[in-house]
Protein backbone atom coordinates (compact mmCIF):
# COMPACT_ATOMS: atom_id res chain seq x y z
CA MET A 1 32.36 9.73 22.45
CA GLN A 2 29.25 10.41 20.58
CA THR A 3 25.60 10.14 22.58
CA TRP A 4 24.62 6.94 20.22
CA TRP A 5 27.39 4.91 21.04
CA ILE A 6 26.55 5.08 24.92
CA TYR A 7 22.85 4.25 23.77
CA ALA A 8 24.14 1.36 21.63
CA LEU A 9 26.28 -0.30 24.47
CA LEU A 10 23.45 -0.22 26.72
CA SER A 11 21.15 -1.80 24.38
CA ALA A 12 23.96 -4.61 23.77
CA VAL A 13 24.34 -4.96 27.61
CA PHE A 14 20.48 -5.17 28.25
CA ALA A 15 20.07 -7.70 25.21
CA ALA A 16 22.43 -10.01 26.45
CA LEU A 17 20.58 -9.68 29.77
CA THR A 18 17.35 -10.46 28.24
CA ALA A 19 18.61 -13.81 26.89
CA ILE A 20 20.02 -14.81 30.46
CA LEU A 21 16.88 -13.60 32.13
CA ALA A 22 14.24 -15.05 29.96
CA LYS A 23 16.07 -18.59 29.45
CA ILE A 24 15.94 -18.47 33.49
CA GLY A 25 12.21 -17.28 33.57
CA ILE A 26 10.69 -19.61 30.72
CA LYS A 27 11.63 -22.68 32.84
CA GLY A 28 8.24 -24.44 32.77
CA VAL A 29 5.94 -21.51 31.24
CA ASP A 30 4.60 -21.32 27.66
CA SER A 31 7.10 -19.42 25.53
CA ASP A 32 4.00 -16.97 24.19
CA VAL A 33 2.41 -16.33 27.64
CA ALA A 34 6.17 -15.37 28.94
CA THR A 35 6.48 -12.87 25.50
CA ALA A 36 3.12 -11.48 26.57
CA ILE A 37 4.00 -10.64 29.98
CA ARG A 38 7.13 -9.35 29.22
CA THR A 39 5.61 -7.09 26.43
CA VAL A 40 3.11 -5.95 29.18
CA VAL A 41 6.25 -4.76 31.38
CA ILE A 42 7.88 -3.38 28.14
CA LEU A 43 4.37 -1.58 27.57
CA PHE A 44 4.29 -0.02 31.19
CA ILE A 45 7.74 1.14 31.12
CA ALA A 46 7.81 2.79 27.66
CA TRP A 47 4.43 4.77 28.37
CA GLY A 48 5.66 5.55 31.75
CA ILE A 49 8.82 7.20 30.05
CA VAL A 50 6.63 9.00 27.20
CA PHE A 51 4.48 10.70 29.73
CA ALA A 52 7.39 10.97 32.64
CA ARG A 53 9.23 13.50 29.62
CA GLY A 54 6.04 15.41 29.04
CA ARG A 55 5.96 13.61 25.33
CA ILE A 56 2.51 12.57 25.31
CA ALA A 57 1.42 15.42 22.92
CA GLU A 58 3.66 14.16 20.43
CA VAL A 59 1.56 11.40 19.52
CA THR A 60 -1.12 13.36 17.81
CA SER A 61 1.38 14.79 15.62
CA LEU A 62 2.51 11.47 13.76
CA SER A 63 1.66 11.04 10.18
CA ARG A 64 -0.23 7.85 8.82
CA HIS A 65 3.21 7.10 7.36
CA ASN A 66 5.10 7.23 10.99
CA LEU A 67 2.41 5.30 12.15
CA LEU A 68 2.11 2.67 9.67
CA PHE A 69 5.98 1.65 9.57
CA ILE A 70 6.12 1.97 13.59
CA CYS A 71 3.06 -0.25 13.79
CA LEU A 72 5.02 -2.51 11.18
CA SER A 73 8.23 -2.26 13.12
CA GLY A 74 6.10 -3.36 16.15
CA VAL A 75 4.64 -6.38 14.31
CA ALA A 76 8.14 -7.38 13.56
CA THR A 77 9.55 -7.05 16.71
CA GLY A 78 6.22 -9.13 18.58
CA LEU A 79 7.38 -11.80 15.90
CA SER A 80 10.87 -11.57 16.76
CA TRP A 81 10.02 -11.98 20.35
CA LEU A 82 7.61 -14.78 20.11
CA PHE A 83 10.22 -16.75 18.11
CA TYR A 84 13.23 -15.79 20.18
CA PHE A 85 11.32 -17.21 23.27
CA ARG A 86 10.57 -20.43 21.66
CA ALA A 87 14.05 -20.98 20.57
CA LEU A 88 15.25 -19.90 23.84
CA GLN A 89 12.61 -22.62 25.51
CA LEU A 90 13.61 -25.27 23.00
CA GLY A 91 17.76 -24.31 22.84
CA LYS A 92 20.66 -23.32 24.55
CA VAL A 93 21.26 -19.62 25.17
CA SER A 94 24.95 -19.95 23.92
CA LEU A 95 23.38 -21.21 20.37
CA VAL A 96 20.05 -19.22 20.17
CA ALA A 97 21.61 -15.85 20.99
CA PRO A 98 24.40 -15.86 18.31
CA ILE A 99 21.77 -17.11 15.86
CA ASP A 100 19.49 -14.11 17.15
CA LYS A 101 22.21 -11.70 16.57
CA ALA A 102 23.12 -12.72 13.15
CA SER A 103 20.28 -10.24 12.19
CA LEU A 104 23.23 -7.83 12.36
CA ALA A 105 24.39 -9.00 8.89
CA LEU A 106 20.94 -9.23 7.66
CA THR A 107 20.11 -5.30 8.86
CA ILE A 108 23.25 -4.26 6.98
CA LEU A 109 22.06 -6.12 3.69
CA LEU A 110 18.56 -4.38 3.99
CA ALA A 111 19.83 -1.18 5.03
CA ALA A 112 21.52 -1.08 2.02
CA VAL A 113 19.06 -2.34 -0.31
CA PHE A 114 15.97 -0.57 1.30
CA LEU A 115 17.58 2.82 3.06
CA GLY A 116 20.14 3.45 0.58
CA GLU A 117 23.02 2.71 3.11
CA ALA A 118 26.59 2.31 1.68
CA LEU A 119 27.72 -1.33 1.68
CA THR A 120 31.37 -0.60 1.66
CA LEU A 121 33.86 -3.66 1.67
CA LYS A 122 34.48 -3.04 4.86
CA THR A 123 30.93 -3.50 6.10
CA ALA A 124 30.44 -6.33 3.82
CA MET A 125 33.35 -8.04 5.45
CA GLY A 126 32.13 -7.14 8.59
CA ALA A 127 28.94 -8.82 8.03
CA GLY A 128 30.44 -11.74 6.70
CA LEU A 129 32.50 -12.27 9.85
CA ILE A 130 29.61 -11.98 12.03
CA LEU A 131 27.90 -14.72 9.89
CA ALA A 132 30.99 -16.91 10.00
CA GLY A 133 31.03 -16.39 13.52
CA THR A 134 27.71 -17.70 14.18
CA PHE A 135 28.29 -20.68 11.93
CA VAL A 136 31.67 -21.57 14.18
CA LEU A 137 29.55 -21.03 17.63
CA ILE A 138 26.53 -23.10 16.41
CA LEU A 139 28.45 -26.23 14.45
């Protein structure tokens, strides 16, 4: 098994836990406040890993291009989290999570358009099935 598979599976497990733990934690809390607290925790974890692995010097070697797109990704992540926490606060996890994960189908399309990744029949069908499954779960 290739290493990326392990990380991808761990990502899925922790993403699932994120939804459950967030739904429990935001009860009676403003979703923006909850997102801000979550972000601080992630900030400490991420920088702690950078320091622990001795990678802090790499920050100075980033190009403006790297920084721009990493920062834009951060903006997109922040907005995603803000909307996700608000949706969790207002709706059921079993409905919010599938809609959020429908981003996978959108990611496949955007990867084809912007990154030139192949959009094969198999990939398009998989994305279509994800969307169909999402609609089944939310209707």
